[in-house]
Amino acid sequence: MVTFDVNAKVAQYWWKEFLELDVVVQDEENTKLAFKAIENKILRPIEKKYKSDFLYLWNTTIAYFRGEGEFSLEHYRDEVIGNYQPFHSDLDMENLKLKCNDLPQSFGFDLRFNKVPGIVKNRFKKELKLSDEIKLLILHDVADPSKTFKAKEDVDGKYIMIRSDLGYEFAKKNEIN
């Protein structure tokens, strides 16, 4: 007998204890398949044209998969992808959300499962070239990048704002000098 359950954690009693069923796709395999699918079909295709958006979404995806708890494709699609405000206005976020919907069937993973953080060995992207003179070095994941990094544009150009007490003090001293 084979059954499909989109509410993996919620309905665990029914398949595990009441029906005494075995899991066909284990959490480890689900984690590996889901991450590879997102990497190959959502993230890598935007890497060359939308570097800053790729960097942000890559690091957010790594943080999501390395965190404990349940993976939910709906949550990833609507929160990680859907709530992201891209640096490049021509990046079609609705298309990325639609691509998410096809991943479980194409790559053979469940819509919901318990993440196994140790499975994802990929690293955070650490360096972003801001100009010929400046590179931004990220030492580890930023818990909520949208609260740390902001894009700004005015008549003088495009900027990145970074929330930082130390950076603020440095910039204040350079402003005076």
N, C-alpha and C. Protein backbone atom coordinates (compact mmCIF):
# COMPACT_ATOMS: atom_id res chain seq x y z
N MET A 1 0.84 -1.17 0.00
CA MET A 1 0.00 0.00 0.00
C MET A 1 0.89 1.24 0.00
N VAL A 2 0.55 2.21 -0.83
CA VAL A 2 1.28 3.47 -0.90
C VAL A 2 0.27 4.59 -0.67
N THR A 3 0.66 5.57 0.15
CA THR A 3 -0.20 6.73 0.39
C THR A 3 0.64 7.98 0.30
N PHE A 4 0.00 9.10 0.04
CA PHE A 4 0.68 10.38 -0.09
C PHE A 4 0.10 11.33 0.95
N ASP A 5 0.95 12.01 1.69
CA ASP A 5 0.49 12.92 2.75
C ASP A 5 1.21 14.25 2.62
N VAL A 6 0.48 15.31 2.28
CA VAL A 6 1.09 16.63 2.17
C VAL A 6 1.25 17.29 3.53
N ASN A 7 0.65 16.72 4.56
CA ASN A 7 0.74 17.27 5.91
C ASN A 7 1.64 16.37 6.76
N ALA A 8 2.86 16.23 6.35
CA ALA A 8 3.78 15.25 6.93
C ALA A 8 3.77 15.25 8.45
N LYS A 9 4.01 16.36 9.09
CA LYS A 9 4.10 16.39 10.54
C LYS A 9 2.73 16.36 11.19
N VAL A 10 1.79 17.08 10.61
CA VAL A 10 0.47 17.19 11.18
C VAL A 10 -0.23 15.83 11.27
N ALA A 11 -0.10 15.03 10.24
CA ALA A 11 -0.82 13.77 10.19
C ALA A 11 0.04 12.55 10.52
N GLN A 12 1.14 12.77 11.20
CA GLN A 12 2.07 11.68 11.48
C GLN A 12 1.40 10.53 12.24
N TYR A 13 0.51 10.84 13.15
CA TYR A 13 -0.18 9.80 13.91
C TYR A 13 -0.85 8.81 12.98
N TRP A 14 -1.54 9.28 11.97
CA TRP A 14 -2.34 8.42 11.10
C TRP A 14 -1.48 7.43 10.32
N TRP A 15 -0.37 7.89 9.75
CA TRP A 15 0.42 6.96 8.96
C TRP A 15 1.36 6.12 9.81
N LYS A 16 1.87 6.67 10.91
CA LYS A 16 2.87 5.97 11.69
C LYS A 16 2.26 5.01 12.70
N GLU A 17 1.27 5.50 13.44
CA GLU A 17 0.75 4.68 14.54
C GLU A 17 -0.55 3.97 14.19
N PHE A 18 -1.47 4.67 13.57
CA PHE A 18 -2.76 4.07 13.27
C PHE A 18 -2.67 3.09 12.10
N LEU A 19 -2.13 3.54 10.98
CA LEU A 19 -2.04 2.68 9.80
C LEU A 19 -0.75 1.87 9.74
N GLU A 20 0.25 2.23 10.56
CA GLU A 20 1.54 1.55 10.63
C GLU A 20 2.20 1.45 9.25
N LEU A 21 2.28 2.60 8.56
CA LEU A 21 2.90 2.65 7.24
C LEU A 21 4.37 3.02 7.34
N ASP A 22 5.15 2.66 6.34
CA ASP A 22 6.55 3.03 6.27
C ASP A 22 6.70 4.24 5.35
N VAL A 23 7.66 5.10 5.66
CA VAL A 23 7.94 6.26 4.83
C VAL A 23 8.73 5.81 3.62
N VAL A 24 8.33 6.25 2.41
CA VAL A 24 9.03 5.87 1.19
C VAL A 24 10.19 6.82 0.95
N VAL A 25 9.94 8.14 1.05
CA VAL A 25 11.00 9.12 0.88
C VAL A 25 11.36 9.67 2.25
N GLN A 26 12.55 9.36 2.72
CA GLN A 26 13.00 9.79 4.04
C GLN A 26 13.29 11.29 4.05
N ASP A 27 13.32 11.88 5.24
CA ASP A 27 13.60 13.30 5.38
C ASP A 27 14.94 13.70 4.79
N GLU A 28 15.96 12.84 4.94
CA GLU A 28 17.28 13.14 4.40
C GLU A 28 17.22 13.29 2.88
N GLU A 29 16.55 12.33 2.25
CA GLU A 29 16.44 12.35 0.79
C GLU A 29 15.58 13.53 0.33
N ASN A 30 14.49 13.80 1.04
CA ASN A 30 13.65 14.95 0.72
C ASN A 30 14.45 16.25 0.80
N THR A 31 15.25 16.40 1.85
CA THR A 31 16.05 17.61 2.04
C THR A 31 17.02 17.78 0.87
N LYS A 32 17.71 16.70 0.53
CA LYS A 32 18.69 16.75 -0.56
C LYS A 32 18.01 17.07 -1.90
N LEU A 33 16.92 16.39 -2.20
CA LEU A 33 16.22 16.59 -3.46
C LEU A 33 15.63 18.00 -3.57
N ALA A 34 15.02 18.47 -2.50
CA ALA A 34 14.39 19.79 -2.52
C ALA A 34 15.44 20.88 -2.69
N PHE A 35 16.55 20.78 -1.96
CA PHE A 35 17.58 21.80 -2.09
C PHE A 35 18.16 21.82 -3.50
N LYS A 36 18.48 20.65 -4.04
CA LYS A 36 19.05 20.58 -5.39
C LYS A 36 18.07 21.13 -6.43
N ALA A 37 16.79 20.84 -6.27
CA ALA A 37 15.78 21.34 -7.20
C ALA A 37 15.72 22.86 -7.17
N ILE A 38 15.70 23.42 -5.97
CA ILE A 38 15.65 24.88 -5.82
C ILE A 38 16.92 25.51 -6.37
N GLU A 39 18.06 24.90 -6.05
CA GLU A 39 19.34 25.41 -6.55
C GLU A 39 19.36 25.43 -8.08
N ASN A 40 18.98 24.32 -8.71
CA ASN A 40 19.10 24.18 -10.16
C ASN A 40 18.02 24.90 -10.96
N LYS A 41 16.81 24.97 -10.45
CA LYS A 41 15.70 25.53 -11.24
C LYS A 41 15.27 26.93 -10.83
N ILE A 42 15.60 27.35 -9.61
CA ILE A 42 15.19 28.67 -9.13
C ILE A 42 16.39 29.62 -9.06
N LEU A 43 17.46 29.19 -8.40
CA LEU A 43 18.57 30.09 -8.10
C LEU A 43 19.61 30.21 -9.21
N ARG A 44 20.14 29.11 -9.69
CA ARG A 44 21.21 29.18 -10.70
C ARG A 44 20.80 29.93 -11.97
N PRO A 45 19.56 29.78 -12.45
CA PRO A 45 19.18 30.51 -13.66
C PRO A 45 19.22 32.04 -13.52
N ILE A 46 19.17 32.57 -12.30
CA ILE A 46 19.21 34.03 -12.13
C ILE A 46 20.60 34.54 -11.76
N GLU A 47 21.54 33.64 -11.54
CA GLU A 47 22.86 34.03 -11.01
C GLU A 47 23.61 35.02 -11.89
N LYS A 48 23.66 34.81 -13.18
CA LYS A 48 24.48 35.69 -14.03
C LYS A 48 23.86 37.06 -14.23
N LYS A 49 22.58 37.11 -14.50
CA LYS A 49 21.94 38.39 -14.81
C LYS A 49 21.58 39.20 -13.56
N TYR A 50 21.29 38.51 -12.45
CA TYR A 50 20.82 39.18 -11.23
C TYR A 50 21.69 38.77 -10.04
N LYS A 51 22.96 39.13 -10.08
CA LYS A 51 23.93 38.67 -9.07
C LYS A 51 23.52 39.00 -7.64
N SER A 52 23.12 40.24 -7.38
CA SER A 52 22.78 40.63 -6.01
C SER A 52 21.52 39.90 -5.53
N ASP A 53 20.55 39.71 -6.42
CA ASP A 53 19.35 38.97 -6.05
C ASP A 53 19.68 37.50 -5.82
N PHE A 54 20.54 36.95 -6.66
CA PHE A 54 20.97 35.57 -6.47
C PHE A 54 21.64 35.41 -5.11
N LEU A 55 22.56 36.31 -4.78
CA LEU A 55 23.29 36.23 -3.51
C LEU A 55 22.31 36.25 -2.34
N TYR A 56 21.38 37.16 -2.38
CA TYR A 56 20.40 37.27 -1.29
C TYR A 56 19.57 35.99 -1.17
N LEU A 57 19.00 35.54 -2.29
CA LEU A 57 18.14 34.36 -2.27
C LEU A 57 18.93 33.09 -1.95
N TRP A 58 20.17 33.02 -2.42
CA TRP A 58 21.03 31.87 -2.11
C TRP A 58 21.25 31.78 -0.60
N ASN A 59 21.66 32.87 0.00
CA ASN A 59 21.94 32.86 1.44
C ASN A 59 20.69 32.61 2.26
N THR A 60 19.57 33.17 1.83
CA THR A 60 18.31 32.94 2.53
C THR A 60 17.89 31.47 2.42
N THR A 61 18.08 30.89 1.25
CA THR A 61 17.74 29.49 1.05
C THR A 61 18.63 28.58 1.89
N ILE A 62 19.92 28.87 1.92
CA ILE A 62 20.85 28.08 2.76
C ILE A 62 20.41 28.16 4.21
N ALA A 63 20.13 29.37 4.69
CA ALA A 63 19.69 29.55 6.09
C ALA A 63 18.40 28.78 6.35
N TYR A 64 17.48 28.80 5.41
CA TYR A 64 16.21 28.08 5.57
C TYR A 64 16.45 26.57 5.68
N PHE A 65 17.29 26.02 4.82
CA PHE A 65 17.54 24.58 4.84
C PHE A 65 18.41 24.16 6.02
N ARG A 66 19.25 25.03 6.51
CA ARG A 66 20.10 24.67 7.65
C ARG A 66 19.40 24.84 8.98
N GLY A 67 18.24 25.47 8.96
CA GLY A 67 17.47 25.65 10.18
C GLY A 67 16.68 24.40 10.51
N GLU A 68 16.44 24.18 11.79
CA GLU A 68 15.64 23.05 12.24
C GLU A 68 14.19 23.27 11.86
N GLY A 69 13.42 22.21 11.85
CA GLY A 69 11.99 22.33 11.65
C GLY A 69 11.54 21.71 10.34
N GLU A 70 10.35 22.10 9.97
CA GLU A 70 9.69 21.51 8.82
C GLU A 70 9.92 22.33 7.55
N PHE A 71 10.17 21.64 6.45
CA PHE A 71 10.19 22.28 5.14
C PHE A 71 8.77 22.25 4.63
N SER A 72 8.34 23.39 4.13
CA SER A 72 7.04 23.48 3.47
C SER A 72 7.27 24.23 2.17
N LEU A 73 6.96 23.59 1.06
CA LEU A 73 7.14 24.24 -0.23
C LEU A 73 6.29 25.52 -0.29
N GLU A 74 5.10 25.46 0.26
CA GLU A 74 4.22 26.63 0.27
C GLU A 74 4.88 27.79 1.03
N HIS A 75 5.48 27.49 2.17
CA HIS A 75 6.17 28.53 2.96
C HIS A 75 7.36 29.08 2.18
N TYR A 76 8.18 28.19 1.62
CA TYR A 76 9.35 28.64 0.86
C TYR A 76 8.91 29.53 -0.30
N ARG A 77 7.92 29.07 -1.06
CA ARG A 77 7.44 29.81 -2.23
C ARG A 77 6.86 31.17 -1.83
N ASP A 78 6.00 31.19 -0.81
CA ASP A 78 5.30 32.42 -0.46
C ASP A 78 6.11 33.38 0.41
N GLU A 79 6.95 32.86 1.28
CA GLU A 79 7.70 33.71 2.21
C GLU A 79 9.10 34.04 1.71
N VAL A 80 9.88 33.02 1.39
CA VAL A 80 11.26 33.25 0.96
C VAL A 80 11.30 33.89 -0.43
N ILE A 81 10.59 33.30 -1.36
CA ILE A 81 10.55 33.84 -2.73
C ILE A 81 9.51 34.95 -2.84
N GLY A 82 8.31 34.70 -2.39
CA GLY A 82 7.19 35.61 -2.59
C GLY A 82 7.29 36.95 -1.89
N ASN A 83 7.92 36.99 -0.73
CA ASN A 83 8.04 38.26 0.01
C ASN A 83 9.32 39.02 -0.31
N TYR A 84 10.17 38.44 -1.13
CA TYR A 84 11.44 39.07 -1.46
C TYR A 84 11.22 40.25 -2.41
N GLN A 85 11.83 41.37 -2.10
CA GLN A 85 11.80 42.55 -2.96
C GLN A 85 13.13 42.62 -3.71
N PRO A 86 13.13 42.28 -5.00
CA PRO A 86 14.40 42.18 -5.74
C PRO A 86 15.08 43.53 -5.94
N PHE A 87 16.41 43.47 -6.04
CA PHE A 87 17.20 44.64 -6.36
C PHE A 87 16.93 45.07 -7.80
N HIS A 88 16.72 44.09 -8.67
CA HIS A 88 16.46 44.35 -10.09
C HIS A 88 14.96 44.26 -10.34
N SER A 89 14.38 45.35 -10.78
CA SER A 89 12.93 45.39 -10.97
C SER A 89 12.45 44.47 -12.09
N ASP A 90 13.33 44.05 -12.98
CA ASP A 90 12.89 43.17 -14.07
C ASP A 90 13.00 41.68 -13.72
N LEU A 91 13.41 41.36 -12.50
CA LEU A 91 13.41 39.97 -12.07
C LEU A 91 11.97 39.56 -11.77
N ASP A 92 11.46 38.59 -12.51
CA ASP A 92 10.07 38.17 -12.42
C ASP A 92 9.87 37.20 -11.25
N MET A 93 9.48 37.74 -10.11
CA MET A 93 9.30 36.93 -8.91
C MET A 93 8.10 36.00 -9.03
N GLU A 94 7.06 36.43 -9.75
CA GLU A 94 5.89 35.56 -9.95
C GLU A 94 6.28 34.31 -10.72
N ASN A 95 7.16 34.46 -11.70
CA ASN A 95 7.63 33.31 -12.46
C ASN A 95 8.42 32.36 -11.56
N LEU A 96 9.25 32.90 -10.67
CA LEU A 96 9.99 32.05 -9.74
C LEU A 96 9.04 31.28 -8.82
N LYS A 97 8.01 31.95 -8.36
CA LYS A 97 7.01 31.28 -7.51
C LYS A 97 6.32 30.15 -8.28
N LEU A 98 5.98 30.41 -9.54
CA LEU A 98 5.34 29.37 -10.35
C LEU A 98 6.27 28.17 -10.57
N LYS A 99 7.56 28.46 -10.77
CA LYS A 99 8.54 27.39 -10.94
C LYS A 99 8.61 26.51 -9.70
N CYS A 100 8.45 27.11 -8.52
CA CYS A 100 8.48 26.35 -7.27
C CYS A 100 7.41 25.26 -7.26
N ASN A 101 6.25 25.57 -7.81
CA ASN A 101 5.13 24.62 -7.78
C ASN A 101 5.43 23.32 -8.51
N ASP A 102 6.26 23.37 -9.54
CA ASP A 102 6.56 22.19 -10.35
C ASP A 102 7.67 21.31 -9.78
N LEU A 103 8.41 21.82 -8.82
CA LEU A 103 9.61 21.12 -8.35
C LEU A 103 9.35 19.76 -7.71
N PRO A 104 8.37 19.62 -6.80
CA PRO A 104 8.20 18.31 -6.15
C PRO A 104 7.93 17.18 -7.14
N GLN A 105 7.10 17.42 -8.11
CA GLN A 105 6.80 16.37 -9.08
C GLN A 105 7.99 16.10 -9.99
N SER A 106 8.68 17.15 -10.41
CA SER A 106 9.82 16.99 -11.31
C SER A 106 11.02 16.32 -10.63
N PHE A 107 11.21 16.62 -9.33
CA PHE A 107 12.41 16.12 -8.65
C PHE A 107 12.11 15.04 -7.60
N GLY A 108 10.84 14.73 -7.37
CA GLY A 108 10.48 13.60 -6.52
C GLY A 108 10.63 13.83 -5.03
N PHE A 109 10.31 15.02 -4.54
CA PHE A 109 10.33 15.24 -3.09
C PHE A 109 8.94 15.65 -2.61
N ASP A 110 8.73 15.53 -1.31
CA ASP A 110 7.43 15.84 -0.71
C ASP A 110 7.24 17.34 -0.54
N LEU A 111 5.99 17.76 -0.49
CA LEU A 111 5.67 19.17 -0.28
C LEU A 111 6.03 19.63 1.13
N ARG A 112 5.98 18.70 2.07
CA ARG A 112 6.33 18.99 3.47
C ARG A 112 7.12 17.82 4.04
N PHE A 113 8.13 18.15 4.83
CA PHE A 113 8.93 17.13 5.50
C PHE A 113 9.78 17.81 6.56
N ASN A 114 10.35 17.03 7.43
CA ASN A 114 11.26 17.57 8.45
C ASN A 114 12.63 17.74 7.82
N LYS A 115 13.15 18.96 7.87
CA LYS A 115 14.47 19.24 7.28
C LYS A 115 15.56 18.53 8.09
N VAL A 116 16.59 18.12 7.39
CA VAL A 116 17.79 17.56 8.02
C VAL A 116 18.92 18.53 7.68
N PRO A 117 19.19 19.50 8.58
CA PRO A 117 20.12 20.59 8.27
C PRO A 117 21.51 20.15 7.84
N GLY A 118 22.01 19.04 8.36
CA GLY A 118 23.36 18.58 8.02
C GLY A 118 23.51 18.11 6.59
N ILE A 119 22.42 17.86 5.91
CA ILE A 119 22.46 17.38 4.52
C ILE A 119 22.98 18.46 3.58
N VAL A 120 22.58 19.71 3.84
CA VAL A 120 22.97 20.81 2.96
C VAL A 120 24.36 21.30 3.38
N LYS A 121 25.35 20.97 2.58
CA LYS A 121 26.74 21.32 2.87
C LYS A 121 27.18 22.60 2.17
N ASN A 122 26.32 23.10 1.27
CA ASN A 122 26.68 24.32 0.53
C ASN A 122 26.92 25.46 1.51
N ARG A 123 27.75 26.38 1.08
CA ARG A 123 28.13 27.49 1.94
C ARG A 123 27.45 28.78 1.50
N PHE A 124 27.42 29.70 2.44
CA PHE A 124 26.94 31.03 2.13
C PHE A 124 27.92 31.67 1.17
N LYS A 125 27.39 32.42 0.23
CA LYS A 125 28.26 33.20 -0.64
C LYS A 125 28.79 34.34 0.19
N LYS A 126 30.10 34.50 0.21
CA LYS A 126 30.72 35.41 1.16
C LYS A 126 31.10 36.76 0.59
N GLU A 127 31.17 36.87 -0.70
CA GLU A 127 31.74 38.09 -1.26
C GLU A 127 30.86 38.63 -2.38
N LEU A 128 30.60 39.91 -2.31
CA LEU A 128 29.84 40.58 -3.35
C LEU A 128 30.63 41.79 -3.79
N LYS A 129 30.95 41.83 -5.07
CA LYS A 129 31.68 42.98 -5.61
C LYS A 129 30.71 44.15 -5.73
N LEU A 130 30.99 45.22 -5.00
CA LEU A 130 30.14 46.40 -5.03
C LEU A 130 30.62 47.40 -6.07
N SER A 131 31.92 47.48 -6.24
CA SER A 131 32.53 48.36 -7.25
C SER A 131 33.93 47.83 -7.51
N ASP A 132 34.69 48.52 -8.35
CA ASP A 132 36.06 48.09 -8.60
C ASP A 132 36.94 48.23 -7.35
N GLU A 133 36.53 49.12 -6.45
CA GLU A 133 37.33 49.38 -5.25
C GLU A 133 36.81 48.67 -4.00
N ILE A 134 35.56 48.22 -4.00
CA ILE A 134 34.93 47.73 -2.76
C ILE A 134 34.28 46.37 -2.98
N LYS A 135 34.54 45.44 -2.05
CA LYS A 135 33.85 44.16 -1.99
C LYS A 135 33.21 44.04 -0.62
N LEU A 136 32.03 43.49 -0.58
CA LEU A 136 31.34 43.23 0.68
C LEU A 136 31.64 41.80 1.06
N LEU A 137 32.24 41.58 2.22
CA LEU A 137 32.58 40.26 2.72
C LEU A 137 31.58 39.87 3.79
N ILE A 138 30.85 38.80 3.58
CA ILE A 138 29.86 38.31 4.54
C ILE A 138 30.48 37.11 5.23
N LEU A 139 30.67 37.19 6.54
CA LEU A 139 31.38 36.15 7.28
C LEU A 139 30.52 34.94 7.60
N HIS A 140 29.22 35.14 7.79
CA HIS A 140 28.30 34.02 8.01
C HIS A 140 26.90 34.49 7.67
N ASP A 141 25.92 33.59 7.80
CA ASP A 141 24.56 33.95 7.40
C ASP A 141 24.04 35.15 8.18
N VAL A 142 23.24 35.94 7.51
CA VAL A 142 22.59 37.08 8.12
C VAL A 142 21.15 36.65 8.37
N ALA A 143 20.74 36.64 9.63
CA ALA A 143 19.43 36.09 10.00
C ALA A 143 18.28 36.68 9.21
N ASP A 144 18.23 37.98 9.10
CA ASP A 144 17.15 38.63 8.36
C ASP A 144 17.76 39.69 7.45
N PRO A 145 18.23 39.28 6.27
CA PRO A 145 18.92 40.23 5.39
C PRO A 145 18.10 41.47 5.05
N SER A 146 16.78 41.35 5.00
CA SER A 146 15.97 42.51 4.63
C SER A 146 16.02 43.60 5.70
N LYS A 147 16.39 43.24 6.92
CA LYS A 147 16.55 44.24 7.98
C LYS A 147 17.98 44.76 8.06
N THR A 148 18.89 44.10 7.39
CA THR A 148 20.30 44.49 7.42
C THR A 148 20.71 45.26 6.17
N PHE A 149 20.22 44.84 5.01
CA PHE A 149 20.59 45.46 3.74
C PHE A 149 19.37 46.13 3.11
N LYS A 150 19.59 47.33 2.62
CA LYS A 150 18.53 48.05 1.91
C LYS A 150 19.11 48.65 0.63
N ALA A 151 18.32 48.63 -0.41
CA ALA A 151 18.71 49.28 -1.67
C ALA A 151 18.16 50.69 -1.67
N LYS A 152 18.93 51.63 -2.21
CA LYS A 152 18.49 53.02 -2.29
C LYS A 152 18.94 53.58 -3.63
N GLU A 153 18.07 54.39 -4.20
CA GLU A 153 18.39 55.04 -5.47
C GLU A 153 17.91 56.48 -5.39
N ASP A 154 18.77 57.39 -5.83
CA ASP A 154 18.37 58.80 -5.93
C ASP A 154 19.01 59.39 -7.18
N VAL A 155 18.95 60.69 -7.32
CA VAL A 155 19.47 61.34 -8.54
C VAL A 155 20.98 61.14 -8.70
N ASP A 156 21.67 60.89 -7.60
CA ASP A 156 23.13 60.72 -7.67
C ASP A 156 23.55 59.28 -7.99
N GLY A 157 22.65 58.31 -7.86
CA GLY A 157 23.02 56.94 -8.17
C GLY A 157 22.30 55.91 -7.33
N LYS A 158 22.83 54.68 -7.38
CA LYS A 158 22.28 53.55 -6.64
C LYS A 158 23.21 53.23 -5.48
N TYR A 159 22.61 52.85 -4.35
CA TYR A 159 23.39 52.61 -3.13
C TYR A 159 22.90 51.34 -2.44
N ILE A 160 23.76 50.82 -1.59
CA ILE A 160 23.36 49.77 -0.68
C ILE A 160 23.52 50.34 0.73
N MET A 161 22.48 50.21 1.51
CA MET A 161 22.55 50.64 2.91
C MET A 161 22.69 49.37 3.76
N ILE A 162 23.60 49.41 4.72
CA ILE A 162 23.84 48.27 5.59
C ILE A 162 23.69 48.74 7.03
N ARG A 163 22.80 48.10 7.76
CA ARG A 163 22.60 48.45 9.17
C ARG A 163 23.83 47.99 9.94
N SER A 164 24.54 48.98 10.53
CA SER A 164 25.77 48.66 11.24
C SER A 164 26.19 49.85 12.10
N ASP A 165 26.30 49.63 13.40
CA ASP A 165 26.78 50.69 14.29
C ASP A 165 28.24 51.03 13.98
N LEU A 166 29.07 50.00 13.76
CA LEU A 166 30.49 50.24 13.46
C LEU A 166 30.65 50.95 12.12
N GLY A 167 29.91 50.51 11.12
CA GLY A 167 29.97 51.14 9.81
C GLY A 167 29.49 52.58 9.86
N TYR A 168 28.49 52.82 10.68
CA TYR A 168 27.96 54.17 10.82
C TYR A 168 29.04 55.09 11.41
N GLU A 169 29.71 54.63 12.45
CA GLU A 169 30.76 55.42 13.08
C GLU A 169 31.88 55.71 12.09
N PHE A 170 32.26 54.71 11.29
CA PHE A 170 33.30 54.89 10.28
C PHE A 170 32.88 55.96 9.27
N ALA A 171 31.65 55.84 8.75
CA ALA A 171 31.16 56.79 7.76
C ALA A 171 31.03 58.18 8.34
N LYS A 172 30.63 58.30 9.60
CA LYS A 172 30.49 59.59 10.25
C LYS A 172 31.84 60.28 10.34
N LYS A 173 32.89 59.52 10.71
CA LYS A 173 34.23 60.09 10.82
C LYS A 173 34.73 60.54 9.45
N ASN A 174 34.46 59.77 8.40
CA ASN A 174 34.88 60.16 7.04
C ASN A 174 34.11 61.35 6.53
N GLU A 175 32.90 61.51 6.96
CA GLU A 175 32.07 62.65 6.56
C GLU A 175 32.66 63.95 7.07
N ILE A 176 33.15 63.92 8.29
CA ILE A 176 33.73 65.10 8.92
C ILE A 176 35.06 65.45 8.27
N ASN A 177 35.88 64.43 7.99
CA ASN A 177 37.19 64.65 7.39
C ASN A 177 37.03 64.93 5.93
